[in-house]
Amino acid sequence: LYLPGKMSREALNRILLTKGGPPLYSLTEV
């Protein structure tokens, strides 16, 4: 009940960490 959600959050954080900077501000743009 916990681990898949944790892995999902970690994946999103990893994506935003590498791709979420300017000029891509919104998740849709990323």
mmCIF file of all heavy atoms, coordinates in Angstrom:
data_MODEL
# 
_entry.id   MODEL 
# 
loop_
_atom_site.group_PDB 
_atom_site.id 
_atom_site.type_symbol 
_atom_site.label_atom_id 
_atom_site.label_alt_id 
_atom_site.label_comp_id 
_atom_site.label_asym_id 
_atom_site.label_entity_id 
_atom_site.label_seq_id 
_atom_site.pdbx_PDB_ins_code 
_atom_site.Cartn_x 
_atom_site.Cartn_y 
_atom_site.Cartn_z 
_atom_site.occupancy 
_atom_site.B_iso_or_equiv 
_atom_site.pdbx_formal_charge 
_atom_site.auth_seq_id 
_atom_site.auth_comp_id 
_atom_site.auth_asym_id 
_atom_site.auth_atom_id 
_atom_site.pdbx_PDB_model_num 
ATOM 1   N N   . LEU A 1 1  ? 0.822  -1.212 0.000   1.00 0.00 ? 1  LEU A N   1 
ATOM 2   C CA  . LEU A 1 1  ? 0.000  0.000  0.000   1.00 0.00 ? 1  LEU A CA  1 
ATOM 3   C C   . LEU A 1 1  ? 0.855  1.261  0.000   1.00 0.00 ? 1  LEU A C   1 
ATOM 4   O O   . LEU A 1 1  ? 0.349  2.348  -0.279  1.00 0.00 ? 1  LEU A O   1 
ATOM 5   C CB  . LEU A 1 1  ? -0.924 0.012  1.221   1.00 0.00 ? 1  LEU A CB  1 
ATOM 6   C CG  . LEU A 1 1  ? -1.872 -1.171 1.363   1.00 0.00 ? 1  LEU A CG  1 
ATOM 7   C CD1 . LEU A 1 1  ? -2.657 -1.069 2.644   1.00 0.00 ? 1  LEU A CD1 1 
ATOM 8   C CD2 . LEU A 1 1  ? -2.804 -1.243 0.164   1.00 0.00 ? 1  LEU A CD2 1 
ATOM 9   N N   . TYR A 1 2  ? 2.128  1.106  0.321   1.00 0.00 ? 2  TYR A N   1 
ATOM 10  C CA  . TYR A 1 2  ? 2.995  2.274  0.469   1.00 0.00 ? 2  TYR A CA  1 
ATOM 11  C C   . TYR A 1 2  ? 4.103  2.358  -0.576  1.00 0.00 ? 2  TYR A C   1 
ATOM 12  O O   . TYR A 1 2  ? 4.332  3.424  -1.166  1.00 0.00 ? 2  TYR A O   1 
ATOM 13  C CB  . TYR A 1 2  ? 3.622  2.258  1.871   1.00 0.00 ? 2  TYR A CB  1 
ATOM 14  C CG  . TYR A 1 2  ? 4.724  3.267  2.064   1.00 0.00 ? 2  TYR A CG  1 
ATOM 15  C CD1 . TYR A 1 2  ? 4.435  4.626  2.164   1.00 0.00 ? 2  TYR A CD1 1 
ATOM 16  C CD2 . TYR A 1 2  ? 6.058  2.867  2.130   1.00 0.00 ? 2  TYR A CD2 1 
ATOM 17  C CE1 . TYR A 1 2  ? 5.444  5.553  2.328   1.00 0.00 ? 2  TYR A CE1 1 
ATOM 18  C CE2 . TYR A 1 2  ? 7.070  3.794  2.301   1.00 0.00 ? 2  TYR A CE2 1 
ATOM 19  C CZ  . TYR A 1 2  ? 6.760  5.137  2.398   1.00 0.00 ? 2  TYR A CZ  1 
ATOM 20  O OH  . TYR A 1 2  ? 7.761  6.056  2.548   1.00 0.00 ? 2  TYR A OH  1 
ATOM 21  N N   . LEU A 1 3  ? 4.793  1.252  -0.824  1.00 0.00 ? 3  LEU A N   1 
ATOM 22  C CA  . LEU A 1 3  ? 5.986  1.301  -1.667  1.00 0.00 ? 3  LEU A CA  1 
ATOM 23  C C   . LEU A 1 3  ? 5.722  1.761  -3.101  1.00 0.00 ? 3  LEU A C   1 
ATOM 24  O O   . LEU A 1 3  ? 6.487  2.575  -3.627  1.00 0.00 ? 3  LEU A O   1 
ATOM 25  C CB  . LEU A 1 3  ? 6.686  -0.056 -1.668  1.00 0.00 ? 3  LEU A CB  1 
ATOM 26  C CG  . LEU A 1 3  ? 7.570  -0.363 -0.460  1.00 0.00 ? 3  LEU A CG  1 
ATOM 27  C CD1 . LEU A 1 3  ? 8.273  -1.693 -0.652  1.00 0.00 ? 3  LEU A CD1 1 
ATOM 28  C CD2 . LEU A 1 3  ? 8.606  0.735  -0.252  1.00 0.00 ? 3  LEU A CD2 1 
ATOM 29  N N   . PRO A 1 4  ? 4.687  1.263  -3.817  1.00 0.00 ? 4  PRO A N   1 
ATOM 30  C CA  . PRO A 1 4  ? 4.480  1.756  -5.180  1.00 0.00 ? 4  PRO A CA  1 
ATOM 31  C C   . PRO A 1 4  ? 4.270  3.268  -5.240  1.00 0.00 ? 4  PRO A C   1 
ATOM 32  O O   . PRO A 1 4  ? 4.807  3.944  -6.123  1.00 0.00 ? 4  PRO A O   1 
ATOM 33  C CB  . PRO A 1 4  ? 3.227  0.997  -5.644  1.00 0.00 ? 4  PRO A CB  1 
ATOM 34  C CG  . PRO A 1 4  ? 3.240  -0.261 -4.844  1.00 0.00 ? 4  PRO A CG  1 
ATOM 35  C CD  . PRO A 1 4  ? 3.759  0.145  -3.497  1.00 0.00 ? 4  PRO A CD  1 
ATOM 36  N N   . GLY A 1 5  ? 3.510  3.813  -4.284  1.00 0.00 ? 5  GLY A N   1 
ATOM 37  C CA  . GLY A 1 5  ? 3.329  5.265  -4.256  1.00 0.00 ? 5  GLY A CA  1 
ATOM 38  C C   . GLY A 1 5  ? 4.628  5.996  -3.986  1.00 0.00 ? 5  GLY A C   1 
ATOM 39  O O   . GLY A 1 5  ? 4.893  7.061  -4.569  1.00 0.00 ? 5  GLY A O   1 
ATOM 40  N N   . LYS A 1 6  ? 5.451  5.445  -3.107  1.00 0.00 ? 6  LYS A N   1 
ATOM 41  C CA  . LYS A 1 6  ? 6.756  6.051  -2.823  1.00 0.00 ? 6  LYS A CA  1 
ATOM 42  C C   . LYS A 1 6  ? 7.629  6.040  -4.071  1.00 0.00 ? 6  LYS A C   1 
ATOM 43  O O   . LYS A 1 6  ? 8.303  7.034  -4.391  1.00 0.00 ? 6  LYS A O   1 
ATOM 44  C CB  . LYS A 1 6  ? 7.438  5.283  -1.699  1.00 0.00 ? 6  LYS A CB  1 
ATOM 45  C CG  . LYS A 1 6  ? 8.843  5.748  -1.358  1.00 0.00 ? 6  LYS A CG  1 
ATOM 46  C CD  . LYS A 1 6  ? 9.394  4.956  -0.186  1.00 0.00 ? 6  LYS A CD  1 
ATOM 47  C CE  . LYS A 1 6  ? 10.815 5.387  0.180   1.00 0.00 ? 6  LYS A CE  1 
ATOM 48  N NZ  . LYS A 1 6  ? 11.796 4.948  -0.846  1.00 0.00 ? 6  LYS A NZ  1 
ATOM 49  N N   . MET A 1 7  ? 7.628  4.940  -4.796  1.00 0.00 ? 7  MET A N   1 
ATOM 50  C CA  . MET A 1 7  ? 8.424  4.846  -6.022  1.00 0.00 ? 7  MET A CA  1 
ATOM 51  C C   . MET A 1 7  ? 7.915  5.813  -7.080  1.00 0.00 ? 7  MET A C   1 
ATOM 52  O O   . MET A 1 7  ? 8.699  6.394  -7.838  1.00 0.00 ? 7  MET A O   1 
ATOM 53  C CB  . MET A 1 7  ? 8.402  3.409  -6.533  1.00 0.00 ? 7  MET A CB  1 
ATOM 54  C CG  . MET A 1 7  ? 9.068  2.424  -5.569  1.00 0.00 ? 7  MET A CG  1 
ATOM 55  S SD  . MET A 1 7  ? 8.714  0.682  -5.925  1.00 0.00 ? 7  MET A SD  1 
ATOM 56  C CE  . MET A 1 7  ? 9.754  0.413  -7.359  1.00 0.00 ? 7  MET A CE  1 
ATOM 57  N N   . SER A 1 8  ? 6.606  6.012  -7.132  1.00 0.00 ? 8  SER A N   1 
ATOM 58  C CA  . SER A 1 8  ? 6.022  6.960  -8.082  1.00 0.00 ? 8  SER A CA  1 
ATOM 59  C C   . SER A 1 8  ? 6.449  8.388  -7.756  1.00 0.00 ? 8  SER A C   1 
ATOM 60  O O   . SER A 1 8  ? 6.834  9.159  -8.650  1.00 0.00 ? 8  SER A O   1 
ATOM 61  C CB  . SER A 1 8  ? 4.500  6.848  -8.070  1.00 0.00 ? 8  SER A CB  1 
ATOM 62  O OG  . SER A 1 8  ? 3.913  7.815  -8.923  1.00 0.00 ? 8  SER A OG  1 
ATOM 63  N N   . ARG A 1 9  ? 6.402  8.741  -6.478  1.00 0.00 ? 9  ARG A N   1 
ATOM 64  C CA  . ARG A 1 9  ? 6.816  10.095 -6.073  1.00 0.00 ? 9  ARG A CA  1 
ATOM 65  C C   . ARG A 1 9  ? 8.303  10.326 -6.344  1.00 0.00 ? 9  ARG A C   1 
ATOM 66  O O   . ARG A 1 9  ? 8.708  11.415 -6.772  1.00 0.00 ? 9  ARG A O   1 
ATOM 67  C CB  . ARG A 1 9  ? 6.503  10.311 -4.593  1.00 0.00 ? 9  ARG A CB  1 
ATOM 68  C CG  . ARG A 1 9  ? 5.005  10.373 -4.289  1.00 0.00 ? 9  ARG A CG  1 
ATOM 69  C CD  . ARG A 1 9  ? 4.758  10.794 -2.852  1.00 0.00 ? 9  ARG A CD  1 
ATOM 70  N NE  . ARG A 1 9  ? 5.254  9.811  -1.891  1.00 0.00 ? 9  ARG A NE  1 
ATOM 71  C CZ  . ARG A 1 9  ? 4.556  8.775  -1.471  1.00 0.00 ? 9  ARG A CZ  1 
ATOM 72  N NH1 . ARG A 1 9  ? 3.324  8.569  -1.924  1.00 0.00 ? 9  ARG A NH1 1 
ATOM 73  N NH2 . ARG A 1 9  ? 5.060  7.936  -0.585  1.00 0.00 ? 9  ARG A NH2 1 
ATOM 74  N N   . GLU A 1 10 ? 9.108  9.308  -6.106  1.00 0.00 ? 10 GLU A N   1 
ATOM 75  C CA  . GLU A 1 10 ? 10.541 9.441  -6.364  1.00 0.00 ? 10 GLU A CA  1 
ATOM 76  C C   . GLU A 1 10 ? 10.817 9.630  -7.857  1.00 0.00 ? 10 GLU A C   1 
ATOM 77  O O   . GLU A 1 10 ? 11.701 10.405 -8.240  1.00 0.00 ? 10 GLU A O   1 
ATOM 78  C CB  . GLU A 1 10 ? 11.275 8.210  -5.842  1.00 0.00 ? 10 GLU A CB  1 
ATOM 79  C CG  . GLU A 1 10 ? 11.337 8.129  -4.325  1.00 0.00 ? 10 GLU A CG  1 
ATOM 80  C CD  . GLU A 1 10 ? 11.960 6.830  -3.843  1.00 0.00 ? 10 GLU A CD  1 
ATOM 81  O OE1 . GLU A 1 10 ? 12.101 5.896  -4.670  1.00 0.00 ? 10 GLU A OE1 1 
ATOM 82  O OE2 . GLU A 1 10 ? 12.293 6.740  -2.640  1.00 0.00 ? 10 GLU A OE2 1 
ATOM 83  N N   . ALA A 1 11 ? 10.057 8.914  -8.706  1.00 0.00 ? 11 ALA A N   1 
ATOM 84  C CA  . ALA A 1 11 ? 10.234 9.064  -10.150 1.00 0.00 ? 11 ALA A CA  1 
ATOM 85  C C   . ALA A 1 11 ? 9.869  10.475 -10.600 1.00 0.00 ? 11 ALA A C   1 
ATOM 86  O O   . ALA A 1 11 ? 10.592 11.093 -11.395 1.00 0.00 ? 11 ALA A O   1 
ATOM 87  C CB  . ALA A 1 11 ? 9.378  8.026  -10.887 1.00 0.00 ? 11 ALA A CB  1 
ATOM 88  N N   . LEU A 1 12 ? 8.744  10.995 -10.083 1.00 0.00 ? 12 LEU A N   1 
ATOM 89  C CA  . LEU A 1 12 ? 8.337  12.353 -10.454 1.00 0.00 ? 12 LEU A CA  1 
ATOM 90  C C   . LEU A 1 12 ? 9.362  13.371 -9.976  1.00 0.00 ? 12 LEU A C   1 
ATOM 91  O O   . LEU A 1 12 ? 9.722  14.304 -10.721 1.00 0.00 ? 12 LEU A O   1 
ATOM 92  C CB  . LEU A 1 12 ? 6.959  12.657 -9.866  1.00 0.00 ? 12 LEU A CB  1 
ATOM 93  C CG  . LEU A 1 12 ? 6.413  14.064 -10.141 1.00 0.00 ? 12 LEU A CG  1 
ATOM 94  C CD1 . LEU A 1 12 ? 6.311  14.322 -11.637 1.00 0.00 ? 12 LEU A CD1 1 
ATOM 95  C CD2 . LEU A 1 12 ? 5.066  14.254 -9.464  1.00 0.00 ? 12 LEU A CD2 1 
ATOM 96  N N   . ASN A 1 13 ? 9.855  13.216 -8.767  1.00 0.00 ? 13 ASN A N   1 
ATOM 97  C CA  . ASN A 1 13 ? 10.859 14.153 -8.250  1.00 0.00 ? 13 ASN A CA  1 
ATOM 98  C C   . ASN A 1 13 ? 12.134 14.103 -9.087  1.00 0.00 ? 13 ASN A C   1 
ATOM 99  O O   . ASN A 1 13 ? 12.765 15.140 -9.326  1.00 0.00 ? 13 ASN A O   1 
ATOM 100 C CB  . ASN A 1 13 ? 11.178 13.819 -6.792  1.00 0.00 ? 13 ASN A CB  1 
ATOM 101 C CG  . ASN A 1 13 ? 10.035 14.143 -5.861  1.00 0.00 ? 13 ASN A CG  1 
ATOM 102 O OD1 . ASN A 1 13 ? 9.183  14.968 -6.179  1.00 0.00 ? 13 ASN A OD1 1 
ATOM 103 N ND2 . ASN A 1 13 ? 9.996  13.495 -4.708  1.00 0.00 ? 13 ASN A ND2 1 
ATOM 104 N N   . ARG A 1 14 ? 12.502 12.910 -9.517  1.00 0.00 ? 14 ARG A N   1 
ATOM 105 C CA  . ARG A 1 14 ? 13.713 12.787 -10.339 1.00 0.00 ? 14 ARG A CA  1 
ATOM 106 C C   . ARG A 1 14 ? 13.525 13.472 -11.685 1.00 0.00 ? 14 ARG A C   1 
ATOM 107 O O   . ARG A 1 14 ? 14.442 14.127 -12.187 1.00 0.00 ? 14 ARG A O   1 
ATOM 108 C CB  . ARG A 1 14 ? 14.050 11.307 -10.546 1.00 0.00 ? 14 ARG A CB  1 
ATOM 109 C CG  . ARG A 1 14 ? 15.353 11.056 -11.279 1.00 0.00 ? 14 ARG A CG  1 
ATOM 110 C CD  . ARG A 1 14 ? 15.730 9.593  -11.221 1.00 0.00 ? 14 ARG A CD  1 
ATOM 111 N NE  . ARG A 1 14 ? 16.992 9.338  -11.913 1.00 0.00 ? 14 ARG A NE  1 
ATOM 112 C CZ  . ARG A 1 14 ? 17.564 8.152  -11.977 1.00 0.00 ? 14 ARG A CZ  1 
ATOM 113 N NH1 . ARG A 1 14 ? 17.002 7.104  -11.393 1.00 0.00 ? 14 ARG A NH1 1 
ATOM 114 N NH2 . ARG A 1 14 ? 18.709 7.984  -12.631 1.00 0.00 ? 14 ARG A NH2 1 
ATOM 115 N N   . ILE A 1 15 ? 12.336 13.343 -12.266 1.00 0.00 ? 15 ILE A N   1 
ATOM 116 C CA  . ILE A 1 15 ? 12.054 14.009 -13.539 1.00 0.00 ? 15 ILE A CA  1 
ATOM 117 C C   . ILE A 1 15 ? 12.100 15.520 -13.375 1.00 0.00 ? 15 ILE A C   1 
ATOM 118 O O   . ILE A 1 15 ? 12.744 16.235 -14.157 1.00 0.00 ? 15 ILE A O   1 
ATOM 119 C CB  . ILE A 1 15 ? 10.680 13.571 -14.075 1.00 0.00 ? 15 ILE A CB  1 
ATOM 120 C CG1 . ILE A 1 15 ? 10.708 12.102 -14.499 1.00 0.00 ? 15 ILE A CG1 1 
ATOM 121 C CG2 . ILE A 1 15 ? 10.258 14.447 -15.259 1.00 0.00 ? 15 ILE A CG2 1 
ATOM 122 C CD1 . ILE A 1 15 ? 9.339  11.537 -14.841 1.00 0.00 ? 15 ILE A CD1 1 
ATOM 123 N N   . LEU A 1 16 ? 11.426 16.039 -12.345 1.00 0.00 ? 16 LEU A N   1 
ATOM 124 C CA  . LEU A 1 16 ? 11.366 17.491 -12.146 1.00 0.00 ? 16 LEU A CA  1 
ATOM 125 C C   . LEU A 1 16 ? 12.722 18.052 -11.768 1.00 0.00 ? 16 LEU A C   1 
ATOM 126 O O   . LEU A 1 16 ? 13.045 19.194 -12.108 1.00 0.00 ? 16 LEU A O   1 
ATOM 127 C CB  . LEU A 1 16 ? 10.330 17.816 -11.070 1.00 0.00 ? 16 LEU A CB  1 
ATOM 128 C CG  . LEU A 1 16 ? 8.871  17.486 -11.430 1.00 0.00 ? 16 LEU A CG  1 
ATOM 129 C CD1 . LEU A 1 16 ? 7.951  17.818 -10.267 1.00 0.00 ? 16 LEU A CD1 1 
ATOM 130 C CD2 . LEU A 1 16 ? 8.447  18.244 -12.682 1.00 0.00 ? 16 LEU A CD2 1 
ATOM 131 N N   . LEU A 1 17 ? 13.526 17.258 -11.067 1.00 0.00 ? 17 LEU A N   1 
ATOM 132 C CA  . LEU A 1 17 ? 14.852 17.731 -10.676 1.00 0.00 ? 17 LEU A CA  1 
ATOM 133 C C   . LEU A 1 17 ? 15.737 17.974 -11.887 1.00 0.00 ? 17 LEU A C   1 
ATOM 134 O O   . LEU A 1 17 ? 16.521 18.927 -11.921 1.00 0.00 ? 17 LEU A O   1 
ATOM 135 C CB  . LEU A 1 17 ? 15.512 16.706 -9.746  1.00 0.00 ? 17 LEU A CB  1 
ATOM 136 C CG  . LEU A 1 17 ? 16.905 17.069 -9.205  1.00 0.00 ? 17 LEU A CG  1 
ATOM 137 C CD1 . LEU A 1 17 ? 16.816 18.300 -8.310  1.00 0.00 ? 17 LEU A CD1 1 
ATOM 138 C CD2 . LEU A 1 17 ? 17.500 15.903 -8.439  1.00 0.00 ? 17 LEU A CD2 1 
ATOM 139 N N   . THR A 1 18 ? 15.600 17.112 -12.895 1.00 0.00 ? 18 THR A N   1 
ATOM 140 C CA  . THR A 1 18 ? 16.467 17.223 -14.081 1.00 0.00 ? 18 THR A CA  1 
ATOM 141 C C   . THR A 1 18 ? 15.831 18.019 -15.220 1.00 0.00 ? 18 THR A C   1 
ATOM 142 O O   . THR A 1 18 ? 16.547 18.565 -16.057 1.00 0.00 ? 18 THR A O   1 
ATOM 143 C CB  . THR A 1 18 ? 16.833 15.827 -14.608 1.00 0.00 ? 18 THR A CB  1 
ATOM 144 O OG1 . THR A 1 18 ? 15.630 15.097 -14.897 1.00 0.00 ? 18 THR A OG1 1 
ATOM 145 C CG2 . THR A 1 18 ? 17.626 15.062 -13.560 1.00 0.00 ? 18 THR A CG2 1 
ATOM 146 N N   . LYS A 1 19 ? 14.495 18.074 -15.256 1.00 0.00 ? 19 LYS A N   1 
ATOM 147 C CA  . LYS A 1 19 ? 13.832 18.694 -16.400 1.00 0.00 ? 19 LYS A CA  1 
ATOM 148 C C   . LYS A 1 19 ? 12.888 19.838 -16.034 1.00 0.00 ? 19 LYS A C   1 
ATOM 149 O O   . LYS A 1 19 ? 12.296 20.444 -16.915 1.00 0.00 ? 19 LYS A O   1 
ATOM 150 C CB  . LYS A 1 19 ? 13.010 17.635 -17.157 1.00 0.00 ? 19 LYS A CB  1 
ATOM 151 C CG  . LYS A 1 19 ? 13.841 16.501 -17.741 1.00 0.00 ? 19 LYS A CG  1 
ATOM 152 C CD  . LYS A 1 19 ? 14.743 16.977 -18.860 1.00 0.00 ? 19 LYS A CD  1 
ATOM 153 C CE  . LYS A 1 19 ? 15.495 15.828 -19.489 1.00 0.00 ? 19 LYS A CE  1 
ATOM 154 N NZ  . LYS A 1 19 ? 16.365 16.263 -20.600 1.00 0.00 ? 19 LYS A NZ  1 
ATOM 155 N N   . GLY A 1 20 ? 12.722 20.114 -14.749 1.00 0.00 ? 20 GLY A N   1 
ATOM 156 C CA  . GLY A 1 20 ? 11.699 21.073 -14.341 1.00 0.00 ? 20 GLY A CA  1 
ATOM 157 C C   . GLY A 1 20 ? 12.157 22.503 -14.202 1.00 0.00 ? 20 GLY A C   1 
ATOM 158 O O   . GLY A 1 20 ? 11.416 23.344 -13.700 1.00 0.00 ? 20 GLY A O   1 
ATOM 159 N N   . GLY A 1 21 ? 13.361 22.826 -14.634 1.00 0.00 ? 21 GLY A N   1 
ATOM 160 C CA  . GLY A 1 21 ? 13.851 24.192 -14.519 1.00 0.00 ? 21 GLY A CA  1 
ATOM 161 C C   . GLY A 1 21 ? 13.398 25.058 -15.686 1.00 0.00 ? 21 GLY A C   1 
ATOM 162 O O   . GLY A 1 21 ? 12.748 24.593 -16.620 1.00 0.00 ? 21 GLY A O   1 
ATOM 163 N N   . PRO A 1 22 ? 13.741 26.353 -15.665 1.00 0.00 ? 22 PRO A N   1 
ATOM 164 C CA  . PRO A 1 22 ? 13.394 27.242 -16.776 1.00 0.00 ? 22 PRO A CA  1 
ATOM 165 C C   . PRO A 1 22 ? 13.956 26.717 -18.089 1.00 0.00 ? 22 PRO A C   1 
ATOM 166 O O   . PRO A 1 22 ? 15.047 26.139 -18.089 1.00 0.00 ? 22 PRO A O   1 
ATOM 167 C CB  . PRO A 1 22 ? 14.055 28.573 -16.379 1.00 0.00 ? 22 PRO A CB  1 
ATOM 168 C CG  . PRO A 1 22 ? 14.279 28.461 -14.903 1.00 0.00 ? 22 PRO A CG  1 
ATOM 169 C CD  . PRO A 1 22 ? 14.500 27.011 -14.615 1.00 0.00 ? 22 PRO A CD  1 
ATOM 170 N N   . PRO A 1 23 ? 13.262 26.871 -19.229 1.00 0.00 ? 23 PRO A N   1 
ATOM 171 C CA  . PRO A 1 23 ? 11.985 27.584 -19.377 1.00 0.00 ? 23 PRO A CA  1 
ATOM 172 C C   . PRO A 1 23 ? 10.758 26.693 -19.189 1.00 0.00 ? 23 PRO A C   1 
ATOM 173 O O   . PRO A 1 23 ? 9.663  27.099 -19.544 1.00 0.00 ? 23 PRO A O   1 
ATOM 174 C CB  . PRO A 1 23 ? 12.065 28.074 -20.832 1.00 0.00 ? 23 PRO A CB  1 
ATOM 175 C CG  . PRO A 1 23 ? 12.808 26.959 -21.524 1.00 0.00 ? 23 PRO A CG  1 
ATOM 176 C CD  . PRO A 1 23 ? 13.798 26.438 -20.519 1.00 0.00 ? 23 PRO A CD  1 
ATOM 177 N N   . LEU A 1 24 ? 10.914 25.459 -18.676 1.00 0.00 ? 24 LEU A N   1 
ATOM 178 C CA  . LEU A 1 24 ? 9.787  24.542 -18.517 1.00 0.00 ? 24 LEU A CA  1 
ATOM 179 C C   . LEU A 1 24 ? 9.292  24.628 -17.074 1.00 0.00 ? 24 LEU A C   1 
ATOM 180 O O   . LEU A 1 24 ? 9.902  24.060 -16.167 1.00 0.00 ? 24 LEU A O   1 
ATOM 181 C CB  . LEU A 1 24 ? 10.226 23.108 -18.856 1.00 0.00 ? 24 LEU A CB  1 
ATOM 182 C CG  . LEU A 1 24 ? 10.866 22.897 -20.228 1.00 0.00 ? 24 LEU A CG  1 
ATOM 183 C CD1 . LEU A 1 24 ? 11.340 21.457 -20.374 1.00 0.00 ? 24 LEU A CD1 1 
ATOM 184 C CD2 . LEU A 1 24 ? 9.879  23.244 -21.325 1.00 0.00 ? 24 LEU A CD2 1 
ATOM 185 N N   . TYR A 1 25 ? 8.191  25.339 -16.881 1.00 0.00 ? 25 TYR A N   1 
ATOM 186 C CA  . TYR A 1 25 ? 7.701  25.553 -15.530 1.00 0.00 ? 25 TYR A CA  1 
ATOM 187 C C   . TYR A 1 25 ? 6.530  24.643 -15.175 1.00 0.00 ? 25 TYR A C   1 
ATOM 188 O O   . TYR A 1 25 ? 6.379  24.251 -14.027 1.00 0.00 ? 25 TYR A O   1 
ATOM 189 C CB  . TYR A 1 25 ? 7.279  27.012 -15.345 1.00 0.00 ? 25 TYR A CB  1 
ATOM 190 C CG  . TYR A 1 25 ? 8.440  27.975 -15.407 1.00 0.00 ? 25 TYR A CG  1 
ATOM 191 C CD1 . TYR A 1 25 ? 8.710  28.688 -16.564 1.00 0.00 ? 25 TYR A CD1 1 
ATOM 192 C CD2 . TYR A 1 25 ? 9.281  28.161 -14.303 1.00 0.00 ? 25 TYR A CD2 1 
ATOM 193 C CE1 . TYR A 1 25 ? 9.788  29.574 -16.618 1.00 0.00 ? 25 TYR A CE1 1 
ATOM 194 C CE2 . TYR A 1 25 ? 10.350 29.030 -14.359 1.00 0.00 ? 25 TYR A CE2 1 
ATOM 195 C CZ  . TYR A 1 25 ? 10.603 29.743 -15.515 1.00 0.00 ? 25 TYR A CZ  1 
ATOM 196 O OH  . TYR A 1 25 ? 11.663 30.603 -15.568 1.00 0.00 ? 25 TYR A OH  1 
ATOM 197 N N   . SER A 1 26 ? 5.694  24.300 -16.132 1.00 0.00 ? 26 SER A N   1 
ATOM 198 C CA  . SER A 1 26 ? 4.521  23.478 -15.839 1.00 0.00 ? 26 SER A CA  1 
ATOM 199 C C   . SER A 1 26 ? 4.823  22.013 -16.126 1.00 0.00 ? 26 SER A C   1 
ATOM 200 O O   . SER A 1 26 ? 5.691  21.675 -16.936 1.00 0.00 ? 26 SER A O   1 
ATOM 201 C CB  . SER A 1 26 ? 3.315  23.930 -16.676 1.00 0.00 ? 26 SER A CB  1 
ATOM 202 O OG  . SER A 1 26 ? 3.495  23.587 -18.036 1.00 0.00 ? 26 SER A OG  1 
ATOM 203 N N   . LEU A 1 27 ? 4.067  21.121 -15.466 1.00 0.00 ? 27 LEU A N   1 
ATOM 204 C CA  . LEU A 1 27 ? 4.249  19.691 -15.665 1.00 0.00 ? 27 LEU A CA  1 
ATOM 205 C C   . LEU A 1 27 ? 3.920  19.295 -17.104 1.00 0.00 ? 27 LEU A C   1 
ATOM 206 O O   . LEU A 1 27 ? 4.571  18.416 -17.676 1.00 0.00 ? 27 LEU A O   1 
ATOM 207 C CB  . LEU A 1 27 ? 3.374  18.907 -14.685 1.00 0.00 ? 27 LEU A CB  1 
ATOM 208 C CG  . LEU A 1 27 ? 3.533  17.384 -14.711 1.00 0.00 ? 27 LEU A CG  1 
ATOM 209 C CD1 . LEU A 1 27 ? 4.972  16.987 -14.426 1.00 0.00 ? 27 LEU A CD1 1 
ATOM 210 C CD2 . LEU A 1 27 ? 2.601  16.734 -13.700 1.00 0.00 ? 27 LEU A CD2 1 
ATOM 211 N N   . THR A 1 28 ? 2.925  19.957 -17.699 1.00 0.00 ? 28 THR A N   1 
ATOM 212 C CA  . THR A 1 28 ? 2.560  19.656 -19.083 1.00 0.00 ? 28 THR A CA  1 
ATOM 213 C C   . THR A 1 28 ? 3.714  19.958 -20.032 1.00 0.00 ? 28 THR A C   1 
ATOM 214 O O   . THR A 1 28 ? 4.010  19.185 -20.950 1.00 0.00 ? 28 THR A O   1 
ATOM 215 C CB  . THR A 1 28 ? 1.320  20.468 -19.496 1.00 0.00 ? 28 THR A CB  1 
ATOM 216 O OG1 . THR A 1 28 ? 0.239  20.155 -18.615 1.00 0.00 ? 28 THR A OG1 1 
ATOM 217 C CG2 . THR A 1 28 ? 0.912  20.136 -20.924 1.00 0.00 ? 28 THR A CG2 1 
ATOM 218 N N   . GLU A 1 29 ? 4.377  21.088 -19.814 1.00 0.00 ? 29 GLU A N   1 
ATOM 219 C CA  . GLU A 1 29 ? 5.530  21.436 -20.648 1.00 0.00 ? 29 GLU A CA  1 
ATOM 220 C C   . GLU A 1 29 ? 6.671  20.446 -20.454 1.00 0.00 ? 29 GLU A C   1 
ATOM 221 O O   . GLU A 1 29 ? 7.340  20.059 -21.416 1.00 0.00 ? 29 GLU A O   1 
ATOM 222 C CB  . GLU A 1 29 ? 6.004  22.852 -20.306 1.00 0.00 ? 29 GLU A CB  1 
ATOM 223 C CG  . GLU A 1 29 ? 5.033  23.945 -20.706 1.00 0.00 ? 29 GLU A CG  1 
ATOM 224 C CD  . GLU A 1 29 ? 5.496  25.310 -20.243 1.00 0.00 ? 29 GLU A CD  1 
ATOM 225 O OE1 . GLU A 1 29 ? 6.084  25.398 -19.145 1.00 0.00 ? 29 GLU A OE1 1 
ATOM 226 O OE2 . GLU A 1 29 ? 5.268  26.288 -20.971 1.00 0.00 ? 29 GLU A OE2 1 
ATOM 227 N N   . VAL A 1 30 ? 6.874  20.022 -19.210 1.00 0.00 ? 30 VAL A N   1 
ATOM 228 C CA  . VAL A 1 30 ? 7.938  19.049 -18.928 1.00 0.00 ? 30 VAL A CA  1 
ATOM 229 C C   . VAL A 1 30 ? 7.642  17.727 -19.626 1.00 0.00 ? 30 VAL A C   1 
ATOM 230 O O   . VAL A 1 30 ? 8.522  17.128 -20.254 1.00 0.00 ? 30 VAL A O   1 
ATOM 231 C CB  . VAL A 1 30 ? 8.080  18.832 -17.405 1.00 0.00 ? 30 VAL A CB  1 
ATOM 232 C CG1 . VAL A 1 30 ? 9.032  17.681 -17.114 1.00 0.00 ? 30 VAL A CG1 1 
ATOM 233 C CG2 . VAL A 1 30 ? 8.573  20.102 -16.732 1.00 0.00 ? 30 VAL A CG2 1 
# 
